[in-house]
C-alpha atoms as a PDB file:
ATOM      1  CA  MET A   1      58.426  84.259 106.040  1.00  0.00           C
ATOM      2  CA  SER A   2      55.873  86.811 105.269  1.00  0.00           C
ATOM      3  CA  ASN A   3      55.547  89.361 102.785  1.00  0.00           C
ATOM      4  CA  GLU A   4      56.196  92.373 105.705  1.00  0.00           C
ATOM      5  CA  ASP A   5      59.193  90.233 106.706  1.00  0.00           C
ATOM      6  CA  LEU A   6      60.680  90.335 102.861  1.00  0.00           C
ATOM      7  CA  LYS A   7      60.458  94.138 102.501  1.00  0.00           C
ATOM      8  CA  PHE A   8      63.975  94.830 102.993  1.00  0.00           C
ATOM      9  CA  LEU A   9      65.158  92.157 100.349  1.00  0.00           C
ATOM     10  CA  PRO A  10      64.087  94.617  97.276  1.00  0.00           C
ATOM     11  CA  TYR A  11      66.111  97.050  98.998  1.00  0.00           C
ATOM     12  CA  THR A  12      69.309  95.209  99.469  1.00  0.00           C
ATOM     13  CA  ALA A  13      69.516  93.870  96.228  1.00  0.00           C
ATOM     14  CA  THR A  14      68.841  97.586  94.737  1.00  0.00           C
ATOM     15  CA  SER A  15      72.007  98.017  97.210  1.00  0.00           C
ATOM     16  CA  ILE A  16      74.257  95.584  95.997  1.00  0.00           C
ATOM     17  CA  SER A  17      73.822  95.777  92.457  1.00  0.00           C
ATOM     18  CA  ILE A  18      74.708  99.530  92.775  1.00  0.00           C
ATOM     19  CA  VAL A  19      77.429  98.967  94.271  1.00  0.00           C
ATOM     20  CA  SER A  20      78.801  96.038  91.990  1.00  0.00           C
ATOM     21  CA  ARG A  21      78.049  98.855  88.759  1.00  0.00           C
ATOM     22  CA  GLY A  22      80.438 101.468  90.986  1.00  0.00           C
ATOM     23  CA  ILE A  23      82.989  98.185  91.205  1.00  0.00           C
ATOM     24  CA  PHE A  24      82.450  97.685  87.620  1.00  0.00           C
ATOM     25  CA  MET A  25      82.936 101.822  86.617  1.00  0.00           C
ATOM     26  CA  TYR A  26      85.977 101.798  88.952  1.00  0.00           C
ATOM     27  CA  LEU A  27      87.823  99.175  86.943  1.00  0.00           C
ATOM     28  CA  LEU A  28      86.832 100.300  83.774  1.00  0.00           C
ATOM     29  CA  TYR A  29      88.471 103.550  84.716  1.00  0.00           C
ATOM     30  CA  LYS A  30      91.616 102.060  86.461  1.00  0.00           C
ATOM     31  CA  ASN A  31      92.472 100.243  83.465  1.00  0.00           C
ATOM     32  CA  LYS A  32      91.356 102.522  80.798  1.00  0.00           C
ATOM     33  CA  SER A  33      89.276  99.988  79.064  1.00  0.00           C
ATOM     34  CA  THR A  34      88.489  99.787  75.567  1.00  0.00           C
ATOM     35  CA  ASN A  35      87.623  96.171  75.613  1.00  0.00           C
ATOM     36  CA  SER A  36      84.781  95.954  73.316  1.00  0.00           C
ATOM     37  CA  LEU A  37      82.969  93.041  75.327  1.00  0.00           C
ATOM     38  CA  SER A  38      82.792  96.037  78.223  1.00  0.00           C
ATOM     39  CA  LEU A  39      80.993  98.100  75.815  1.00  0.00           C
ATOM     40  CA  LEU A  40      78.449  95.522  74.361  1.00  0.00           C
ATOM     41  CA  PHE A  41      77.892  94.298  78.052  1.00  0.00           C
ATOM     42  CA  CYS A  42      76.956  98.335  78.791  1.00  0.00           C
ATOM     43  CA  ILE A  43      74.594  98.221  75.546  1.00  0.00           C
ATOM     44  CA  LEU A  44      73.071  94.707  76.628  1.00  0.00           C
ATOM     45  CA  SER A  45      72.545  95.488  80.148  1.00  0.00           C
ATOM     46  CA  ILE A  46      71.077  99.051  79.336  1.00  0.00           C
ATOM     47  CA  SER A  47      68.741  97.714  77.092  1.00  0.00           C
ATOM     48  CA  SER A  48      67.945  95.060  79.905  1.00  0.00           C
ATOM     49  CA  SER A  49      67.194  98.007  82.549  1.00  0.00           C
ATOM     50  CA  CYS A  50      65.378  99.636  80.176  1.00  0.00           C
ATOM     51  CA  MET A  51      62.638  96.898  79.884  1.00  0.00           C
ATOM     52  CA  TRP A  52      62.835  96.454  83.446  1.00  0.00           C
ATOM     53  CA  ILE A  53      61.950 100.225  84.077  1.00  0.00           C
ATOM     54  CA  TYR A  54      59.139  99.423  81.966  1.00  0.00           C
ATOM     55  CA  TYR A  55      57.700  96.558  83.941  1.00  0.00           C
ATOM     56  CA  SER A  56      58.719  98.289  86.908  1.00  0.00           C
ATOM     57  CA  VAL A  57      56.425 101.362  86.024  1.00  0.00           C
ATOM     58  CA  ASN A  58      53.735  99.051  85.413  1.00  0.00           C
ATOM     59  CA  ASN A  59      53.866  97.055  88.662  1.00  0.00           C
ATOM     60  CA  ASN A  60      54.633 100.316  90.387  1.00  0.00           C
ATOM     61  CA  ASP A  61      57.808  98.660  92.028  1.00  0.00           C
ATOM     62  CA  THR A  62      59.754 101.355  93.552  1.00  0.00           C
ATOM     63  CA  PRO A  63      62.817  99.414  94.133  1.00  0.00           C
ATOM     64  CA  MET A  64      63.564  98.162  91.131  1.00  0.00           C
ATOM     65  CA  ILE A  65      63.083 101.822  89.249  1.00  0.00           C
ATOM     66  CA  VAL A  66      65.555 103.055  91.370  1.00  0.00           C
ATOM     67  CA  ARG A  67      67.783 100.426  90.707  1.00  0.00           C
ATOM     68  CA  SER A  68      67.497 100.472  86.929  1.00  0.00           C
ATOM     69  CA  SER A  69      67.224 103.894  86.528  1.00  0.00           C
ATOM     70  CA  THR A  70      70.671 104.229  88.727  1.00  0.00           C
ATOM     71  CA  GLU A  71      72.054 101.210  86.624  1.00  0.00           C
ATOM     72  CA  ILE A  72      71.094 102.813  83.062  1.00  0.00           C
ATOM     73  CA  THR A  73      73.064 106.101  84.240  1.00  0.00           C
ATOM     74  CA  LEU A  74      76.029 104.450  85.825  1.00  0.00           C
ATOM     75  CA  LEU A  75      76.282 102.189  82.418  1.00  0.00           C
ATOM     76  CA  ALA A  76      75.390 105.013  79.944  1.00  0.00           C
ATOM     77  CA  ILE A  77      78.599 106.918  81.819  1.00  0.00           C
ATOM     78  CA  SER A  78      80.756 103.311  81.008  1.00  0.00           C
ATOM     79  CA  ALA A  79      79.611 103.319  77.865  1.00  0.00           C
ATOM     80  CA  VAL A  80      81.053 106.756  76.833  1.00  0.00           C
ATOM     81  CA  TYR A  81      84.039 106.402  78.825  1.00  0.00           C
ATOM     82  CA  ILE A  82      84.805 103.279  76.956  1.00  0.00           C
ATOM     83  CA  ILE A  83      84.331 105.151  73.876  1.00  0.00           C
ATOM     84  CA  LYS A  84      86.266 107.866  74.745  1.00  0.00           C
ATOM     85  CA  ASN A  85      89.095 105.697  75.262  1.00  0.00           C
ATOM     86  CA  LYS A  86      88.810 103.515  72.155  1.00  0.00           C
ATOM     87  CA  TYR A  87      88.804 106.897  70.462  1.00  0.00           C
ATOM     88  CA  GLN A  88      92.153 108.282  71.898  1.00  0.00           C
ATOM     89  CA  MET A  89      93.566 105.020  70.949  1.00  0.00           C
ATOM     90  CA  LEU A  90      92.820 105.092  67.683  1.00  0.00           C
ATOM     91  CA  ARG A  91      93.639 108.648  67.615  1.00  0.00           C
ATOM     92  CA  GLN A  92      97.186 108.260  68.861  1.00  0.00           C
ATOM     93  CA  ALA A  93      97.447 105.095  66.605  1.00  0.00           C
ATOM     94  CA  THR A  94      97.265 107.391  63.443  1.00  0.00           C
ATOM     95  CA  ILE A  95      99.384 109.996  64.706  1.00  0.00           C
ATOM     96  CA  LEU A  96     102.665 109.604  62.420  1.00  0.00           C
ATOM     97  CA  PRO A  97     106.102 110.174  64.546  1.00  0.00           C
ATOM     98  CA  VAL A  98     107.710 113.512  62.924  1.00  0.00           C
END
């Protein structure tokens, strides 16, 4: 395959990546997750995406810039949601019944 034939590949990979993050966010919302591993996953993925953005900007790789930027946004929203749920659970656990 020539490079011209492979031009669709980065855009397809970007689309799949964004859809998978959407599914992750849906499952977090549906399960009202407070899982520390989910939060750690979000933090590590945000760090990784930041590195990919730096690399992609230096190489003028637009699909990776779009993918990584979108992923950072979605993962940041997910991390805030997990922290919010954790805080609410801790707050409910510390309220004493009358």
